[in-house]
N, C-alpha and C. Protein backbone atom coordinates (compact mmCIF):
# COMPACT_ATOMS: atom_id res chain seq x y z
N UNK A 1 37.38 -11.62 16.78
CA UNK A 1 36.33 -10.73 17.25
C UNK A 1 36.96 -9.53 17.93
N UNK A 2 36.50 -8.37 17.59
CA UNK A 2 36.96 -7.12 18.17
C UNK A 2 36.26 -6.88 19.49
N UNK A 3 37.00 -6.47 20.52
CA UNK A 3 36.35 -6.12 21.78
C UNK A 3 37.01 -4.85 22.34
N UNK A 4 36.22 -4.12 23.11
CA UNK A 4 36.66 -2.87 23.69
C UNK A 4 36.23 -2.87 25.15
N UNK A 5 37.13 -2.48 26.04
CA UNK A 5 36.81 -2.44 27.47
C UNK A 5 36.71 -0.98 27.92
N UNK A 6 35.75 -0.73 28.80
CA UNK A 6 35.58 0.61 29.35
C UNK A 6 35.24 0.51 30.83
N UNK A 7 35.72 1.48 31.58
CA UNK A 7 35.38 1.59 33.01
C UNK A 7 34.46 2.79 33.12
N UNK A 8 33.24 2.56 33.63
CA UNK A 8 32.23 3.61 33.67
C UNK A 8 31.87 3.93 35.11
N UNK A 9 31.96 5.21 35.48
CA UNK A 9 31.57 5.67 36.80
C UNK A 9 30.16 6.25 36.70
N UNK A 10 29.28 5.80 37.60
CA UNK A 10 27.88 6.23 37.57
C UNK A 10 27.50 6.84 38.92
N UNK A 11 26.92 8.02 38.87
CA UNK A 11 26.39 8.63 40.09
C UNK A 11 25.05 7.96 40.41
N UNK A 12 24.62 8.02 41.65
CA UNK A 12 23.35 7.44 42.06
C UNK A 12 22.22 8.00 41.18
N UNK A 13 21.37 7.10 40.67
CA UNK A 13 20.25 7.49 39.83
C UNK A 13 20.56 7.61 38.36
N UNK A 14 21.84 7.55 37.99
CA UNK A 14 22.28 7.69 36.59
C UNK A 14 21.87 6.46 35.79
N UNK A 15 21.48 6.69 34.54
CA UNK A 15 21.11 5.61 33.62
C UNK A 15 22.03 5.60 32.42
N UNK A 16 22.39 4.39 32.00
CA UNK A 16 23.06 4.20 30.72
C UNK A 16 22.36 3.05 30.02
N UNK A 17 22.50 2.99 28.71
CA UNK A 17 21.96 1.87 27.95
C UNK A 17 23.16 1.14 27.34
N UNK A 18 23.20 -0.19 27.55
CA UNK A 18 24.29 -1.00 27.03
C UNK A 18 23.71 -1.94 25.98
N UNK A 19 24.27 -1.87 24.77
CA UNK A 19 23.85 -2.71 23.66
C UNK A 19 24.84 -3.85 23.49
N UNK A 20 24.32 -5.05 23.32
CA UNK A 20 25.16 -6.23 23.18
C UNK A 20 25.67 -6.43 21.78
N UNK A 21 26.66 -7.29 21.67
CA UNK A 21 27.18 -8.14 22.74
C UNK A 21 28.07 -7.35 23.70
N UNK A 22 27.86 -7.64 24.97
CA UNK A 22 28.63 -6.95 26.00
C UNK A 22 28.56 -7.74 27.30
N UNK A 23 29.49 -7.47 28.19
CA UNK A 23 29.40 -7.98 29.55
C UNK A 23 29.70 -6.82 30.49
N UNK A 24 28.98 -6.81 31.60
CA UNK A 24 29.12 -5.75 32.60
C UNK A 24 29.51 -6.42 33.91
N UNK A 25 30.56 -5.92 34.54
CA UNK A 25 30.96 -6.40 35.86
C UNK A 25 30.93 -5.23 36.82
N UNK A 26 30.25 -5.41 37.95
CA UNK A 26 30.16 -4.35 38.96
C UNK A 26 31.44 -4.37 39.79
N UNK A 27 32.16 -3.27 39.77
CA UNK A 27 33.37 -3.15 40.59
C UNK A 27 33.00 -2.66 41.98
N UNK A 28 32.25 -1.56 42.05
CA UNK A 28 31.79 -1.01 43.33
C UNK A 28 30.37 -0.52 43.17
N UNK A 29 29.65 -0.45 44.28
CA UNK A 29 28.30 0.09 44.26
C UNK A 29 27.25 -0.97 43.95
N UNK A 30 26.11 -0.49 43.48
CA UNK A 30 24.99 -1.39 43.17
C UNK A 30 24.22 -0.84 41.98
N UNK A 31 23.91 -1.71 41.01
CA UNK A 31 23.16 -1.32 39.83
C UNK A 31 21.91 -2.19 39.71
N UNK A 32 20.97 -1.74 38.89
CA UNK A 32 19.77 -2.53 38.62
C UNK A 32 19.60 -2.67 37.11
N UNK A 33 19.35 -3.92 36.70
CA UNK A 33 19.05 -4.23 35.30
C UNK A 33 17.84 -5.14 35.30
N UNK A 34 16.81 -4.78 34.55
CA UNK A 34 15.59 -5.59 34.45
C UNK A 34 15.00 -5.94 35.81
N UNK A 35 15.07 -4.99 36.75
CA UNK A 35 14.48 -5.19 38.07
C UNK A 35 15.31 -6.03 39.02
N UNK A 36 16.51 -6.41 38.61
CA UNK A 36 17.39 -7.23 39.45
C UNK A 36 18.58 -6.37 39.89
N UNK A 37 18.89 -6.42 41.18
CA UNK A 37 20.01 -5.66 41.72
C UNK A 37 21.29 -6.48 41.66
N UNK A 38 22.38 -5.81 41.26
CA UNK A 38 23.68 -6.46 41.15
C UNK A 38 24.69 -5.64 41.94
N UNK A 39 25.46 -6.33 42.80
CA UNK A 39 26.49 -5.68 43.60
C UNK A 39 27.88 -6.06 43.14
N UNK A 40 28.88 -5.65 43.90
CA UNK A 40 30.28 -5.89 43.53
C UNK A 40 30.56 -7.36 43.20
N UNK A 41 31.30 -7.55 42.11
CA UNK A 41 31.69 -8.89 41.68
C UNK A 41 30.68 -9.57 40.77
N UNK A 42 29.47 -9.05 40.70
CA UNK A 42 28.45 -9.67 39.85
C UNK A 42 28.67 -9.28 38.40
N UNK A 43 28.37 -10.21 37.50
CA UNK A 43 28.58 -10.00 36.07
C UNK A 43 27.29 -10.28 35.32
N UNK A 44 27.01 -9.46 34.32
CA UNK A 44 25.83 -9.61 33.48
C UNK A 44 26.29 -9.67 32.03
N UNK A 45 25.76 -10.64 31.28
CA UNK A 45 26.08 -10.77 29.86
C UNK A 45 24.87 -10.28 29.07
N UNK A 46 25.12 -9.42 28.10
CA UNK A 46 24.07 -8.93 27.21
C UNK A 46 24.38 -9.47 25.82
N UNK A 47 23.48 -10.26 25.31
CA UNK A 47 23.69 -10.92 24.02
C UNK A 47 23.46 -9.95 22.86
N UNK A 48 23.99 -10.31 21.72
CA UNK A 48 23.83 -9.52 20.50
C UNK A 48 22.35 -9.27 20.24
N UNK A 49 22.03 -8.13 19.70
CA UNK A 49 20.66 -7.70 19.38
C UNK A 49 19.83 -7.39 20.61
N UNK A 50 20.41 -7.35 21.80
CA UNK A 50 19.71 -6.97 23.03
C UNK A 50 20.32 -5.67 23.54
N UNK A 51 19.52 -4.90 24.26
CA UNK A 51 20.06 -3.74 24.96
C UNK A 51 19.29 -3.58 26.26
N UNK A 52 20.00 -3.20 27.30
CA UNK A 52 19.39 -3.06 28.62
C UNK A 52 19.76 -1.73 29.23
N UNK A 53 18.78 -1.17 29.96
CA UNK A 53 19.05 0.03 30.75
C UNK A 53 19.74 -0.41 32.03
N UNK A 54 20.76 0.32 32.41
CA UNK A 54 21.51 0.06 33.64
C UNK A 54 21.33 1.29 34.52
N UNK A 55 20.77 1.09 35.71
CA UNK A 55 20.54 2.20 36.63
C UNK A 55 21.42 2.03 37.86
N UNK A 56 22.12 3.09 38.23
CA UNK A 56 22.95 3.07 39.44
C UNK A 56 22.05 3.34 40.65
N UNK A 57 21.97 2.37 41.55
CA UNK A 57 21.19 2.54 42.77
C UNK A 57 21.97 3.32 43.82
N UNK A 58 23.28 3.34 43.65
CA UNK A 58 24.18 4.15 44.48
C UNK A 58 25.39 4.45 43.60
N UNK A 59 26.27 5.30 44.07
CA UNK A 59 27.47 5.61 43.28
C UNK A 59 28.17 4.29 42.96
N UNK A 60 28.43 4.05 41.67
CA UNK A 60 28.94 2.75 41.24
C UNK A 60 30.01 2.90 40.17
N UNK A 61 30.84 1.88 40.07
CA UNK A 61 31.80 1.76 38.99
C UNK A 61 31.58 0.39 38.36
N UNK A 62 31.40 0.36 37.03
CA UNK A 62 31.23 -0.89 36.32
C UNK A 62 32.28 -0.97 35.22
N UNK A 63 32.74 -2.18 34.94
CA UNK A 63 33.60 -2.38 33.78
C UNK A 63 32.74 -3.05 32.72
N UNK A 64 32.84 -2.55 31.51
CA UNK A 64 32.03 -3.04 30.40
C UNK A 64 32.97 -3.49 29.29
N UNK A 65 32.78 -4.72 28.84
CA UNK A 65 33.51 -5.23 27.69
C UNK A 65 32.51 -5.35 26.56
N UNK A 66 32.79 -4.64 25.47
CA UNK A 66 31.89 -4.62 24.32
C UNK A 66 32.42 -5.50 23.21
N UNK A 67 31.55 -6.32 22.67
CA UNK A 67 31.90 -7.09 21.49
C UNK A 67 31.64 -6.26 20.25
N UNK A 68 31.85 -6.85 19.09
CA UNK A 68 31.63 -6.18 17.82
C UNK A 68 30.18 -5.69 17.72
N UNK A 69 30.01 -4.42 17.43
CA UNK A 69 28.71 -3.74 17.32
C UNK A 69 28.04 -3.49 18.67
N UNK A 70 28.72 -3.78 19.78
CA UNK A 70 28.18 -3.44 21.10
C UNK A 70 28.39 -1.95 21.34
N UNK A 71 27.69 -1.39 22.32
CA UNK A 71 27.84 0.03 22.59
C UNK A 71 27.28 0.45 23.93
N UNK A 72 27.63 1.65 24.32
CA UNK A 72 27.13 2.27 25.54
C UNK A 72 26.65 3.66 25.14
N UNK A 73 25.46 4.02 25.61
CA UNK A 73 25.00 5.39 25.37
C UNK A 73 24.21 5.88 26.56
N UNK A 74 24.16 7.20 26.66
CA UNK A 74 23.38 7.82 27.71
C UNK A 74 22.03 8.20 27.09
N UNK A 75 20.93 7.65 27.62
CA UNK A 75 19.63 7.97 27.04
C UNK A 75 19.29 9.45 27.22
N UNK A 76 18.56 9.99 26.25
CA UNK A 76 18.09 11.38 26.35
C UNK A 76 17.03 11.47 27.45
N UNK A 77 16.84 12.66 27.97
CA UNK A 77 15.83 12.90 29.01
C UNK A 77 14.48 12.35 28.56
N UNK A 78 13.88 11.48 29.39
CA UNK A 78 12.56 10.93 29.09
C UNK A 78 12.57 9.74 28.14
N UNK A 79 13.73 9.41 27.57
CA UNK A 79 13.81 8.30 26.62
C UNK A 79 13.71 6.94 27.31
N UNK A 80 14.26 6.84 28.50
CA UNK A 80 14.27 5.56 29.23
C UNK A 80 13.19 5.60 30.30
N UNK A 81 12.33 4.60 30.32
CA UNK A 81 11.16 4.61 31.21
C UNK A 81 11.25 3.55 32.30
N UNK A 82 12.46 3.21 32.70
CA UNK A 82 12.65 2.15 33.70
C UNK A 82 11.90 2.46 35.00
N UNK A 83 11.92 3.70 35.44
CA UNK A 83 11.24 4.05 36.70
C UNK A 83 9.72 3.89 36.56
N UNK A 84 9.15 4.27 35.43
CA UNK A 84 7.71 4.12 35.20
C UNK A 84 7.32 2.64 35.18
N UNK A 85 8.15 1.81 34.55
CA UNK A 85 7.86 0.36 34.51
C UNK A 85 7.89 -0.23 35.91
N UNK A 86 8.90 0.14 36.70
CA UNK A 86 9.01 -0.41 38.06
C UNK A 86 7.85 0.07 38.94
N UNK A 87 7.43 1.32 38.76
CA UNK A 87 6.30 1.84 39.51
C UNK A 87 5.01 1.09 39.14
N UNK A 88 4.80 0.85 37.85
CA UNK A 88 3.61 0.12 37.39
C UNK A 88 3.62 -1.30 37.92
N UNK A 89 4.76 -1.97 37.86
CA UNK A 89 4.86 -3.34 38.35
C UNK A 89 4.59 -3.40 39.85
N UNK A 90 5.12 -2.44 40.59
CA UNK A 90 4.92 -2.40 42.02
C UNK A 90 3.45 -2.20 42.37
N UNK A 91 2.76 -1.34 41.63
CA UNK A 91 1.34 -1.10 41.92
C UNK A 91 0.48 -2.33 41.60
N UNK A 92 0.90 -3.14 40.64
CA UNK A 92 0.16 -4.36 40.31
C UNK A 92 0.34 -5.40 41.41
N UNK A 93 1.57 -5.53 41.92
CA UNK A 93 1.89 -6.52 42.94
C UNK A 93 1.27 -6.15 44.28
N UNK A 94 1.26 -4.87 44.61
CA UNK A 94 0.74 -4.42 45.90
C UNK A 94 -0.71 -4.55 46.00
């Protein structure tokens, strides 16, 4: 199996989309995936055929290991609606 490792620096509020198979390890800072916050040392596995938006809650560095056909991309403006989803969920709970 082919794998590629990358170290990604994210400014606060920055979004990336990671397509699996992949694993993400937070080196510094704090990120949010699917409404869950991850800090230093935490690892997230993204299975094949899945993709998740990764949002930097503060300046962060993550290491990403990509499996075959995995990838990282920066969503176009307005393409990722993570903030709208979180706002809607919050209004339902409140």
